[in-house]
Amino acid sequence: MTTLRTRRHFAQAALAGAAAAACSRPTWAAEKTRFAPNYILGSCMYGYQALAEILPEVRKTGATAIDIWPKVHGNQREQLDDLGEEKFAAMLTEHDVSLGCITQYKLGPFGLQDEMRLAQRLGCKTIVTGGKGPVGLKGAELKSAVGKFIEQMKPHLATAERTGVTVAIENHANNLIDSPDSMKWLAELAPNKHLAVAFAPYHLPQDELLLSELIRDLGNSIAVFYAWQHGMGCMKKLPKQQELLQMPGRGELDFSPLLKALADIRFAGWTEIFMHPVPRGIPILETTEEVTAEINRARQYLTACL
């Protein structure tokens, strides 16, 4: 028994040491900032796996909530409709999990009012979508377009306020809100806390200084932070080890300055460890156990970065 415990202790120490080594420039101490990410698990990490299979994994990944995705990335939003709200809510309760977010790109920012009412019934406070409008703008034209978008959003934000939902716009590529300046204008011009940013480093320059300063500039306008880097991209089929370079601790992006910035702004929103597989709709790894283990590997890396 003593030998077994010794081996187990050695293995745990080795794992922690490897994670710390992978995080190359730790610049701060968790005990000083007392910052800990508020993790949420993206259902699409498991592809089209059944909610009955995914929900038991949420707590295993250090998360307290689930973000459900519709097709093509996942199909858990459609599963909710098939199950019915009452049964879905009972499943959440059974596994001590909350519905923290619904991701809804296909509905767009102007098609979310019924989804907000559903979110309210299920105690969900966040919906992520994209920003609709012209792309490739800069300067005054960009500010004007973001202002127009926000004006168009106001009736929908009134529903968001009534339902207690925050609509978080991801800085998705080829989107009105796809650059640091557009994200800043969204934060500055947003009329209230019900319009926010879903911050995706993947879609931005892989520059730790730029990303960390942008986090500080946006401050409490960030509702969701994706622990996700570009790696070698997610638009064409790659060998799995190259595809996984999107995950924290595998690609070249050092998350230490980003986490420091999140601590500096006292970030209390969701942190979602994330990547996209190719093709969409498959799990990031073959088995449920492997997906959960990979998310936990990334989480250990982020913990070491603290």
C-alpha atoms as a PDB file:
ATOM      1  CA  MET A   1       0.000   0.000   0.000  1.00  0.00           C
ATOM      2  CA  THR A   2       2.832   2.401   0.860  1.00  0.00           C
ATOM      3  CA  THR A   3       4.506   1.704  -2.474  1.00  0.00           C
ATOM      4  CA  LEU A   4       1.242   2.325  -4.328  1.00  0.00           C
ATOM      5  CA  ARG A   5       0.742   5.641  -2.540  1.00  0.00           C
ATOM      6  CA  THR A   6       4.326   6.643  -3.269  1.00  0.00           C
ATOM      7  CA  ARG A   7       3.924   5.866  -6.954  1.00  0.00           C
ATOM      8  CA  ARG A   8       0.650   7.736  -7.090  1.00  0.00           C
ATOM      9  CA  HIS A   9       2.197  10.762  -5.372  1.00  0.00           C
ATOM     10  CA  PHE A  10       5.138  10.675  -7.792  1.00  0.00           C
ATOM     11  CA  ALA A  11       2.808  10.515 -10.806  1.00  0.00           C
ATOM     12  CA  GLN A  12       0.744  13.441  -9.550  1.00  0.00           C
ATOM     13  CA  ALA A  13       3.858  15.499  -8.867  1.00  0.00           C
ATOM     14  CA  ALA A  14       5.235  14.722 -12.313  1.00  0.00           C
ATOM     15  CA  LEU A  15       1.997  15.795 -13.970  1.00  0.00           C
ATOM     16  CA  ALA A  16       1.925  19.080 -12.064  1.00  0.00           C
ATOM     17  CA  GLY A  17       5.555  19.708 -12.918  1.00  0.00           C
ATOM     18  CA  ALA A  18       4.934  19.090 -16.603  1.00  0.00           C
ATOM     19  CA  ALA A  19       2.015  21.495 -16.624  1.00  0.00           C
ATOM     20  CA  ALA A  20       4.070  24.172 -14.879  1.00  0.00           C
ATOM     21  CA  ALA A  21       6.915  23.737 -17.354  1.00  0.00           C
ATOM     22  CA  ALA A  22       4.515  24.039 -20.283  1.00  0.00           C
ATOM     23  CA  CYS A  23       3.325  27.417 -19.002  1.00  0.00           C
ATOM     24  CA  SER A  24       6.538  29.210 -19.829  1.00  0.00           C
ATOM     25  CA  ARG A  25       6.138  32.627 -18.253  1.00  0.00           C
ATOM     26  CA  PRO A  26       4.095  32.491 -15.033  1.00  0.00           C
ATOM     27  CA  THR A  27       4.081  36.076 -13.765  1.00  0.00           C
ATOM     28  CA  TRP A  28       1.762  36.014 -10.783  1.00  0.00           C
ATOM     29  CA  ALA A  29       0.517  33.931  -7.884  1.00  0.00           C
ATOM     30  CA  ALA A  30      -3.005  32.642  -7.412  1.00  0.00           C
ATOM     31  CA  GLU A  31      -2.778  33.029  -3.665  1.00  0.00           C
ATOM     32  CA  LYS A  32      -2.268  36.777  -4.114  1.00  0.00           C
ATOM     33  CA  THR A  33      -5.091  37.358  -6.584  1.00  0.00           C
ATOM     34  CA  ARG A  34      -7.478  34.622  -5.400  1.00  0.00           C
ATOM     35  CA  PHE A  35      -8.698  34.313  -8.971  1.00  0.00           C
ATOM     36  CA  ALA A  36     -10.122  31.039 -10.191  1.00  0.00           C
ATOM     37  CA  PRO A  37     -11.850  30.559 -13.551  1.00  0.00           C
ATOM     38  CA  ASN A  38     -15.571  29.866 -13.452  1.00  0.00           C
ATOM     39  CA  TYR A  39     -15.603  26.917 -15.835  1.00  0.00           C
ATOM     40  CA  ILE A  40     -18.422  25.968 -18.185  1.00  0.00           C
ATOM     41  CA  LEU A  41     -18.347  22.890 -20.431  1.00  0.00           C
ATOM     42  CA  GLY A  42     -19.166  23.236 -24.134  1.00  0.00           C
ATOM     43  CA  SER A  43     -21.432  20.375 -25.200  1.00  0.00           C
ATOM     44  CA  CYS A  44     -20.036  20.395 -28.737  1.00  0.00           C
ATOM     45  CA  MET A  45     -16.669  19.160 -27.460  1.00  0.00           C
ATOM     46  CA  TYR A  46     -18.423  15.779 -27.398  1.00  0.00           C
ATOM     47  CA  GLY A  47     -19.898  16.129 -30.896  1.00  0.00           C
ATOM     48  CA  TYR A  48     -23.418  14.728 -31.184  1.00  0.00           C
ATOM     49  CA  GLN A  49     -23.119  12.655 -28.029  1.00  0.00           C
ATOM     50  CA  ALA A  50     -26.300  12.320 -25.961  1.00  0.00           C
ATOM     51  CA  LEU A  51     -26.873  14.733 -23.099  1.00  0.00           C
ATOM     52  CA  ALA A  52     -27.308  11.715 -20.835  1.00  0.00           C
ATOM     53  CA  GLU A  53     -23.674  10.885 -21.627  1.00  0.00           C
ATOM     54  CA  ILE A  54     -22.316  14.442 -21.399  1.00  0.00           C
ATOM     55  CA  LEU A  55     -23.971  15.759 -18.241  1.00  0.00           C
ATOM     56  CA  PRO A  56     -22.147  13.315 -15.917  1.00  0.00           C
ATOM     57  CA  GLU A  57     -18.861  14.687 -17.332  1.00  0.00           C
ATOM     58  CA  VAL A  58     -19.503  18.337 -16.448  1.00  0.00           C
ATOM     59  CA  ARG A  59     -18.425  18.173 -12.818  1.00  0.00           C
ATOM     60  CA  LYS A  60     -15.501  15.916 -13.751  1.00  0.00           C
ATOM     61  CA  THR A  61     -14.035  18.782 -15.789  1.00  0.00           C
ATOM     62  CA  GLY A  62     -14.208  21.250 -12.914  1.00  0.00           C
ATOM     63  CA  ALA A  63     -17.224  22.985 -14.467  1.00  0.00           C
ATOM     64  CA  THR A  64     -20.534  23.744 -12.789  1.00  0.00           C
ATOM     65  CA  ALA A  65     -22.550  24.485 -15.924  1.00  0.00           C
ATOM     66  CA  ILE A  66     -23.041  23.410 -19.516  1.00  0.00           C
ATOM     67  CA  ASP A  67     -23.130  25.467 -22.713  1.00  0.00           C
ATOM     68  CA  ILE A  68     -25.425  23.671 -25.162  1.00  0.00           C
ATOM     69  CA  TRP A  69     -24.794  23.951 -28.898  1.00  0.00           C
ATOM     70  CA  PRO A  70     -27.075  23.248 -31.871  1.00  0.00           C
ATOM     71  CA  LYS A  71     -26.130  21.621 -35.167  1.00  0.00           C
ATOM     72  CA  VAL A  72     -23.716  21.525 -36.875  1.00  0.00           C
ATOM     73  CA  HIS A  73     -21.231  21.778 -34.034  1.00  0.00           C
ATOM     74  CA  GLY A  74     -23.331  19.755 -31.612  1.00  0.00           C
ATOM     75  CA  ASN A  75     -26.971  18.741 -31.412  1.00  0.00           C
ATOM     76  CA  GLN A  76     -27.642  19.149 -27.698  1.00  0.00           C
ATOM     77  CA  ARG A  77     -29.932  22.147 -28.263  1.00  0.00           C
ATOM     78  CA  GLU A  78     -32.081  19.955 -30.508  1.00  0.00           C
ATOM     79  CA  GLN A  79     -31.918  17.217 -27.876  1.00  0.00           C
ATOM     80  CA  LEU A  80     -33.409  19.673 -25.374  1.00  0.00           C
ATOM     81  CA  ASP A  81     -36.429  20.102 -27.652  1.00  0.00           C
ATOM     82  CA  ASP A  82     -36.770  16.336 -28.052  1.00  0.00           C
ATOM     83  CA  LEU A  83     -36.528  15.720 -24.301  1.00  0.00           C
ATOM     84  CA  GLY A  84     -38.786  18.608 -23.293  1.00  0.00           C
ATOM     85  CA  GLU A  85     -37.884  21.310 -20.796  1.00  0.00           C
ATOM     86  CA  GLU A  86     -39.137  19.432 -17.745  1.00  0.00           C
ATOM     87  CA  LYS A  87     -37.093  16.301 -18.412  1.00  0.00           C
ATOM     88  CA  PHE A  88     -34.027  18.331 -19.388  1.00  0.00           C
ATOM     89  CA  ALA A  89     -34.278  20.361 -16.165  1.00  0.00           C
ATOM     90  CA  ALA A  90     -34.588  17.145 -14.155  1.00  0.00           C
ATOM     91  CA  MET A  91     -31.410  15.817 -15.791  1.00  0.00           C
ATOM     92  CA  LEU A  92     -29.553  18.992 -14.881  1.00  0.00           C
ATOM     93  CA  THR A  93     -30.686  18.638 -11.268  1.00  0.00           C
ATOM     94  CA  GLU A  94     -29.726  14.970 -11.176  1.00  0.00           C
ATOM     95  CA  HIS A  95     -26.136  15.817 -12.112  1.00  0.00           C
ATOM     96  CA  ASP A  96     -25.909  19.055 -10.067  1.00  0.00           C
ATOM     97  CA  VAL A  97     -25.334  21.105 -13.220  1.00  0.00           C
ATOM     98  CA  SER A  98     -26.859  24.388 -14.377  1.00  0.00           C
ATOM     99  CA  LEU A  99     -27.576  25.553 -17.904  1.00  0.00           C
ATOM    100  CA  GLY A 100     -25.063  28.378 -18.041  1.00  0.00           C
ATOM    101  CA  CYS A 101     -25.175  29.287 -21.720  1.00  0.00           C
ATOM    102  CA  ILE A 102     -26.920  28.573 -25.004  1.00  0.00           C
ATOM    103  CA  THR A 103     -24.857  29.144 -28.148  1.00  0.00           C
ATOM    104  CA  GLN A 104     -27.056  30.179 -31.068  1.00  0.00           C
ATOM    105  CA  TYR A 105     -25.285  31.404 -34.184  1.00  0.00           C
ATOM    106  CA  LYS A 106     -27.923  30.208 -36.622  1.00  0.00           C
ATOM    107  CA  LEU A 107     -30.632  32.362 -34.997  1.00  0.00           C
ATOM    108  CA  GLY A 108     -28.409  35.438 -35.106  1.00  0.00           C
ATOM    109  CA  PRO A 109     -28.575  38.433 -32.763  1.00  0.00           C
ATOM    110  CA  PHE A 110     -32.012  39.505 -34.033  1.00  0.00           C
ATOM    111  CA  GLY A 111     -33.670  36.093 -33.692  1.00  0.00           C
ATOM    112  CA  LEU A 112     -33.150  35.310 -30.027  1.00  0.00           C
ATOM    113  CA  GLN A 113     -36.287  36.523 -28.274  1.00  0.00           C
ATOM    114  CA  ASP A 114     -37.958  33.100 -27.941  1.00  0.00           C
ATOM    115  CA  GLU A 115     -34.579  31.639 -26.964  1.00  0.00           C
ATOM    116  CA  MET A 116     -34.260  34.244 -24.206  1.00  0.00           C
ATOM    117  CA  ARG A 117     -37.636  33.200 -22.804  1.00  0.00           C
ATOM    118  CA  LEU A 118     -36.543  29.561 -22.885  1.00  0.00           C
ATOM    119  CA  ALA A 119     -33.312  30.534 -21.131  1.00  0.00           C
ATOM    120  CA  GLN A 120     -35.285  32.350 -18.446  1.00  0.00           C
ATOM    121  CA  ARG A 121     -37.461  29.293 -17.805  1.00  0.00           C
ATOM    122  CA  LEU A 122     -34.344  27.148 -17.407  1.00  0.00           C
ATOM    123  CA  GLY A 123     -32.382  29.633 -15.285  1.00  0.00           C
ATOM    124  CA  CYS A 124     -29.840  30.344 -18.039  1.00  0.00           C
ATOM    125  CA  LYS A 125     -28.265  33.817 -17.984  1.00  0.00           C
ATOM    126  CA  THR A 126     -26.120  33.843 -21.160  1.00  0.00           C
ATOM    127  CA  ILE A 127     -26.674  33.393 -24.887  1.00  0.00           C
ATOM    128  CA  VAL A 128     -23.744  33.593 -27.328  1.00  0.00           C
ATOM    129  CA  THR A 129     -24.196  34.599 -30.960  1.00  0.00           C
ATOM    130  CA  GLY A 130     -22.465  36.590 -33.704  1.00  0.00           C
ATOM    131  CA  GLY A 131     -22.709  40.252 -34.680  1.00  0.00           C
ATOM    132  CA  LYS A 132     -24.559  41.003 -37.901  1.00  0.00           C
ATOM    133  CA  GLY A 133     -23.343  43.787 -40.175  1.00  0.00           C
ATOM    134  CA  PRO A 134     -20.723  44.771 -42.757  1.00  0.00           C
ATOM    135  CA  VAL A 135     -17.222  43.347 -42.411  1.00  0.00           C
ATOM    136  CA  GLY A 136     -13.764  44.736 -43.028  1.00  0.00           C
ATOM    137  CA  LEU A 137     -14.521  48.248 -41.765  1.00  0.00           C
ATOM    138  CA  LYS A 138     -12.109  50.465 -39.847  1.00  0.00           C
ATOM    139  CA  GLY A 139     -12.041  53.796 -38.091  1.00  0.00           C
ATOM    140  CA  ALA A 140     -15.144  55.983 -38.162  1.00  0.00           C
ATOM    141  CA  GLU A 141     -16.971  53.606 -40.514  1.00  0.00           C
ATOM    142  CA  LEU A 142     -16.506  50.757 -38.055  1.00  0.00           C
ATOM    143  CA  LYS A 143     -17.709  52.827 -35.102  1.00  0.00           C
ATOM    144  CA  SER A 144     -20.773  53.910 -37.071  1.00  0.00           C
ATOM    145  CA  ALA A 145     -21.595  50.323 -38.081  1.00  0.00           C
ATOM    146  CA  VAL A 146     -21.255  49.080 -34.496  1.00  0.00           C
ATOM    147  CA  GLY A 147     -23.495  51.923 -33.342  1.00  0.00           C
ATOM    148  CA  LYS A 148     -26.106  50.980 -35.955  1.00  0.00           C
ATOM    149  CA  PHE A 149     -25.931  47.339 -34.856  1.00  0.00           C
ATOM    150  CA  ILE A 150     -26.552  48.340 -31.249  1.00  0.00           C
ATOM    151  CA  GLU A 151     -29.534  50.482 -32.260  1.00  0.00           C
ATOM    152  CA  GLN A 152     -30.981  47.444 -34.071  1.00  0.00           C
ATOM    153  CA  MET A 153     -30.357  45.364 -30.960  1.00  0.00           C
ATOM    154  CA  LYS A 154     -32.259  47.630 -28.564  1.00  0.00           C
ATOM    155  CA  PRO A 155     -35.688  45.912 -28.876  1.00  0.00           C
ATOM    156  CA  HIS A 156     -33.954  42.573 -28.341  1.00  0.00           C
ATOM    157  CA  LEU A 157     -32.006  43.921 -25.384  1.00  0.00           C
ATOM    158  CA  ALA A 158     -35.298  45.007 -23.838  1.00  0.00           C
ATOM    159  CA  THR A 159     -36.324  41.337 -23.906  1.00  0.00           C
ATOM    160  CA  ALA A 160     -32.898  40.381 -22.567  1.00  0.00           C
ATOM    161  CA  GLU A 161     -33.419  42.729 -19.639  1.00  0.00           C
ATOM    162  CA  ARG A 162     -36.883  41.337 -18.907  1.00  0.00           C
ATOM    163  CA  THR A 163     -35.609  37.763 -19.004  1.00  0.00           C
ATOM    164  CA  GLY A 164     -32.332  38.415 -17.155  1.00  0.00           C
ATOM    165  CA  VAL A 165     -30.233  37.227 -20.099  1.00  0.00           C
ATOM    166  CA  THR A 166     -26.946  38.633 -21.391  1.00  0.00           C
ATOM    167  CA  VAL A 167     -26.406  38.412 -25.149  1.00  0.00           C
ATOM    168  CA  ALA A 168     -22.661  37.887 -25.660  1.00  0.00           C
ATOM    169  CA  ILE A 169     -21.313  38.605 -29.152  1.00  0.00           C
ATOM    170  CA  GLU A 170     -18.317  36.477 -30.122  1.00  0.00           C
ATOM    171  CA  ASN A 171     -15.529  38.124 -32.097  1.00  0.00           C
ATOM    172  CA  HIS A 172     -15.997  35.570 -34.864  1.00  0.00           C
ATOM    173  CA  ALA A 173     -14.101  35.867 -38.150  1.00  0.00           C
ATOM    174  CA  ASN A 174     -15.895  37.595 -41.045  1.00  0.00           C
ATOM    175  CA  ASN A 175     -18.236  39.257 -38.610  1.00  0.00           C
ATOM    176  CA  LEU A 176     -18.984  42.891 -37.765  1.00  0.00           C
ATOM    177  CA  ILE A 177     -17.490  42.266 -34.316  1.00  0.00           C
ATOM    178  CA  ASP A 178     -14.268  40.536 -35.352  1.00  0.00           C
ATOM    179  CA  SER A 179     -11.420  42.901 -34.425  1.00  0.00           C
ATOM    180  CA  PRO A 180     -10.087  44.494 -31.241  1.00  0.00           C
ATOM    181  CA  ASP A 181     -11.450  47.909 -32.258  1.00  0.00           C
ATOM    182  CA  SER A 182     -14.921  46.525 -32.987  1.00  0.00           C
ATOM    183  CA  MET A 183     -14.935  44.759 -29.617  1.00  0.00           C
ATOM    184  CA  LYS A 184     -13.984  48.005 -27.878  1.00  0.00           C
ATOM    185  CA  TRP A 185     -16.724  49.940 -29.673  1.00  0.00           C
ATOM    186  CA  LEU A 186     -19.274  47.287 -28.721  1.00  0.00           C
ATOM    187  CA  ALA A 187     -18.232  47.559 -25.071  1.00  0.00           C
ATOM    188  CA  GLU A 188     -18.226  51.361 -25.125  1.00  0.00           C
ATOM    189  CA  LEU A 189     -21.554  51.814 -26.928  1.00  0.00           C
ATOM    190  CA  ALA A 190     -23.527  48.989 -25.301  1.00  0.00           C
ATOM    191  CA  PRO A 191     -26.488  50.558 -23.473  1.00  0.00           C
ATOM    192  CA  ASN A 192     -26.426  48.094 -20.552  1.00  0.00           C
ATOM    193  CA  LYS A 193     -24.906  44.892 -19.209  1.00  0.00           C
ATOM    194  CA  HIS A 194     -27.261  42.740 -21.286  1.00  0.00           C
ATOM    195  CA  LEU A 195     -25.028  43.191 -24.346  1.00  0.00           C
ATOM    196  CA  ALA A 196     -21.517  41.869 -23.851  1.00  0.00           C
ATOM    197  CA  VAL A 197     -18.516  40.218 -25.491  1.00  0.00           C
ATOM    198  CA  ALA A 198     -17.666  36.532 -25.860  1.00  0.00           C
ATOM    199  CA  PHE A 199     -13.861  36.775 -26.076  1.00  0.00           C
ATOM    200  CA  ALA A 200     -12.250  34.242 -28.432  1.00  0.00           C
ATOM    201  CA  PRO A 201      -8.443  34.498 -28.662  1.00  0.00           C
ATOM    202  CA  TYR A 202      -8.504  32.041 -31.585  1.00  0.00           C
ATOM    203  CA  HIS A 203      -9.895  34.738 -33.897  1.00  0.00           C
ATOM    204  CA  LEU A 204      -7.391  37.434 -32.864  1.00  0.00           C
ATOM    205  CA  PRO A 205      -3.636  37.919 -33.372  1.00  0.00           C
ATOM    206  CA  GLN A 206      -1.784  35.376 -31.244  1.00  0.00           C
ATOM    207  CA  ASP A 207       0.024  38.093 -29.302  1.00  0.00           C
ATOM    208  CA  GLU A 208      -0.135  37.704 -25.518  1.00  0.00           C
ATOM    209  CA  LEU A 209       0.428  41.421 -24.871  1.00  0.00           C
ATOM    210  CA  LEU A 210      -2.297  42.507 -27.297  1.00  0.00           C
ATOM    211  CA  LEU A 211      -4.750  39.947 -25.943  1.00  0.00           C
ATOM    212  CA  SER A 212      -4.108  40.733 -22.284  1.00  0.00           C
ATOM    213  CA  GLU A 213      -4.385  44.493 -22.848  1.00  0.00           C
ATOM    214  CA  LEU A 214      -7.615  43.975 -24.792  1.00  0.00           C
ATOM    215  CA  ILE A 215      -9.027  42.002 -21.860  1.00  0.00           C
ATOM    216  CA  ARG A 216      -8.208  44.927 -19.562  1.00  0.00           C
ATOM    217  CA  ASP A 217      -9.731  47.427 -21.995  1.00  0.00           C
ATOM    218  CA  LEU A 218     -12.973  45.441 -22.217  1.00  0.00           C
ATOM    219  CA  GLY A 219     -13.182  44.794 -18.474  1.00  0.00           C
ATOM    220  CA  ASN A 220     -16.596  43.734 -17.241  1.00  0.00           C
ATOM    221  CA  SER A 221     -17.968  43.796 -20.796  1.00  0.00           C
ATOM    222  CA  ILE A 222     -16.652  40.246 -21.201  1.00  0.00           C
ATOM    223  CA  ALA A 223     -19.272  37.618 -20.372  1.00  0.00           C
ATOM    224  CA  VAL A 224     -17.501  34.534 -21.769  1.00  0.00           C
ATOM    225  CA  PHE A 225     -13.785  33.836 -22.179  1.00  0.00           C
ATOM    226  CA  TYR A 226     -12.831  30.970 -24.468  1.00  0.00           C
ATOM    227  CA  ALA A 227      -9.587  29.283 -23.430  1.00  0.00           C
ATOM    228  CA  TRP A 228      -8.844  28.653 -27.099  1.00  0.00           C
ATOM    229  CA  GLN A 229      -5.900  29.458 -29.326  1.00  0.00           C
ATOM    230  CA  HIS A 230      -5.360  29.316 -33.072  1.00  0.00           C
ATOM    231  CA  GLY A 231      -2.721  26.611 -33.211  1.00  0.00           C
ATOM    232  CA  MET A 232      -2.832  25.338 -36.790  1.00  0.00           C
ATOM    233  CA  GLY A 233      -6.457  26.302 -37.291  1.00  0.00           C
ATOM    234  CA  CYS A 234      -9.730  24.408 -37.545  1.00  0.00           C
ATOM    235  CA  MET A 235     -10.811  24.845 -41.156  1.00  0.00           C
ATOM    236  CA  LYS A 236      -9.145  21.846 -42.775  1.00  0.00           C
ATOM    237  CA  LYS A 237      -8.562  18.280 -41.695  1.00  0.00           C
ATOM    238  CA  LEU A 238      -5.258  17.845 -39.881  1.00  0.00           C
ATOM    239  CA  PRO A 239      -3.622  15.002 -37.987  1.00  0.00           C
ATOM    240  CA  LYS A 240      -5.218  14.936 -34.535  1.00  0.00           C
ATOM    241  CA  GLN A 241      -2.107  16.128 -32.697  1.00  0.00           C
ATOM    242  CA  GLN A 242      -1.998  19.216 -34.933  1.00  0.00           C
ATOM    243  CA  GLU A 243      -5.718  19.837 -34.566  1.00  0.00           C
ATOM    244  CA  LEU A 244      -5.333  19.709 -30.774  1.00  0.00           C
ATOM    245  CA  LEU A 245      -2.894  22.644 -30.894  1.00  0.00           C
ATOM    246  CA  GLN A 246      -5.994  24.816 -30.431  1.00  0.00           C
ATOM    247  CA  MET A 247      -6.173  23.629 -26.828  1.00  0.00           C
ATOM    248  CA  PRO A 248      -4.497  25.529 -23.964  1.00  0.00           C
ATOM    249  CA  GLY A 249      -1.038  24.170 -23.203  1.00  0.00           C
ATOM    250  CA  ARG A 250      -0.553  22.553 -26.610  1.00  0.00           C
ATOM    251  CA  GLY A 251      -0.090  25.450 -29.012  1.00  0.00           C
ATOM    252  CA  GLU A 252       2.371  28.341 -28.696  1.00  0.00           C
ATOM    253  CA  LEU A 253       0.102  30.862 -26.958  1.00  0.00           C
ATOM    254  CA  ASP A 254       1.111  31.519 -23.355  1.00  0.00           C
ATOM    255  CA  PHE A 255      -2.091  31.944 -21.340  1.00  0.00           C
ATOM    256  CA  SER A 256      -0.344  33.365 -18.248  1.00  0.00           C
ATOM    257  CA  PRO A 257      -0.687  37.046 -19.234  1.00  0.00           C
ATOM    258  CA  LEU A 258      -4.294  36.477 -20.302  1.00  0.00           C
ATOM    259  CA  LEU A 259      -5.186  34.930 -16.953  1.00  0.00           C
ATOM    260  CA  LYS A 260      -3.372  37.737 -15.167  1.00  0.00           C
ATOM    261  CA  ALA A 261      -5.496  40.235 -17.089  1.00  0.00           C
ATOM    262  CA  LEU A 262      -8.678  38.321 -16.224  1.00  0.00           C
ATOM    263  CA  ALA A 263      -7.660  38.461 -12.578  1.00  0.00           C
ATOM    264  CA  ASP A 264      -6.943  42.185 -12.857  1.00  0.00           C
ATOM    265  CA  ILE A 265     -10.485  42.887 -14.108  1.00  0.00           C
ATOM    266  CA  ARG A 266     -11.928  40.498 -11.497  1.00  0.00           C
ATOM    267  CA  PHE A 267     -13.502  38.441 -14.264  1.00  0.00           C
ATOM    268  CA  ALA A 268     -16.546  36.578 -12.979  1.00  0.00           C
ATOM    269  CA  GLY A 269     -17.970  35.337 -16.279  1.00  0.00           C
ATOM    270  CA  TRP A 270     -17.682  31.908 -17.838  1.00  0.00           C
ATOM    271  CA  THR A 271     -14.382  30.341 -18.914  1.00  0.00           C
ATOM    272  CA  GLU A 272     -14.845  27.673 -21.588  1.00  0.00           C
ATOM    273  CA  ILE A 273     -11.961  25.392 -22.573  1.00  0.00           C
ATOM    274  CA  PHE A 274     -12.556  25.029 -26.284  1.00  0.00           C
ATOM    275  CA  MET A 275     -11.582  23.958 -29.783  1.00  0.00           C
ATOM    276  CA  HIS A 276     -13.259  22.997 -33.056  1.00  0.00           C
ATOM    277  CA  PRO A 277     -12.729  19.571 -34.616  1.00  0.00           C
ATOM    278  CA  VAL A 278     -12.832  18.873 -38.355  1.00  0.00           C
ATOM    279  CA  PRO A 279     -15.405  18.008 -39.528  1.00  0.00           C
ATOM    280  CA  ARG A 280     -17.821  19.774 -37.199  1.00  0.00           C
ATOM    281  CA  GLY A 281     -20.178  17.568 -35.214  1.00  0.00           C
ATOM    282  CA  ILE A 282     -17.628  14.948 -34.192  1.00  0.00           C
ATOM    283  CA  PRO A 283     -16.112  14.824 -30.684  1.00  0.00           C
ATOM    284  CA  ILE A 284     -12.642  16.299 -30.311  1.00  0.00           C
ATOM    285  CA  LEU A 285     -11.381  12.793 -29.457  1.00  0.00           C
ATOM    286  CA  GLU A 286     -12.926   9.407 -30.056  1.00  0.00           C
ATOM    287  CA  THR A 287     -14.339   8.545 -26.641  1.00  0.00           C
ATOM    288  CA  THR A 288     -16.154  10.481 -23.939  1.00  0.00           C
ATOM    289  CA  GLU A 289     -13.412   9.601 -21.469  1.00  0.00           C
ATOM    290  CA  GLU A 290     -10.698  10.918 -23.801  1.00  0.00           C
ATOM    291  CA  VAL A 291     -12.534  14.216 -24.336  1.00  0.00           C
ATOM    292  CA  THR A 292     -12.924  14.740 -20.587  1.00  0.00           C
ATOM    293  CA  ALA A 293      -9.267  13.845 -19.993  1.00  0.00           C
ATOM    294  CA  GLU A 294      -8.106  16.347 -22.636  1.00  0.00           C
ATOM    295  CA  ILE A 295     -10.217  19.128 -21.125  1.00  0.00           C
ATOM    296  CA  ASN A 296      -8.743  18.316 -17.714  1.00  0.00           C
ATOM    297  CA  ARG A 297      -5.217  18.345 -19.154  1.00  0.00           C
ATOM    298  CA  ALA A 298      -5.896  21.858 -20.467  1.00  0.00           C
ATOM    299  CA  ARG A 299      -7.396  22.870 -17.117  1.00  0.00           C
ATOM    300  CA  GLN A 300      -4.287  21.628 -15.290  1.00  0.00           C
ATOM    301  CA  TYR A 301      -2.166  23.741 -17.633  1.00  0.00           C
ATOM    302  CA  LEU A 302      -4.300  26.819 -16.889  1.00  0.00           C
ATOM    303  CA  THR A 303      -4.046  26.126 -13.161  1.00  0.00           C
ATOM    304  CA  ALA A 304      -0.257  25.951 -13.488  1.00  0.00           C
ATOM    305  CA  CYS A 305      -0.382  29.306 -15.313  1.00  0.00           C
ATOM    306  CA  LEU A 306      -1.959  30.804 -12.222  1.00  0.00           C
END
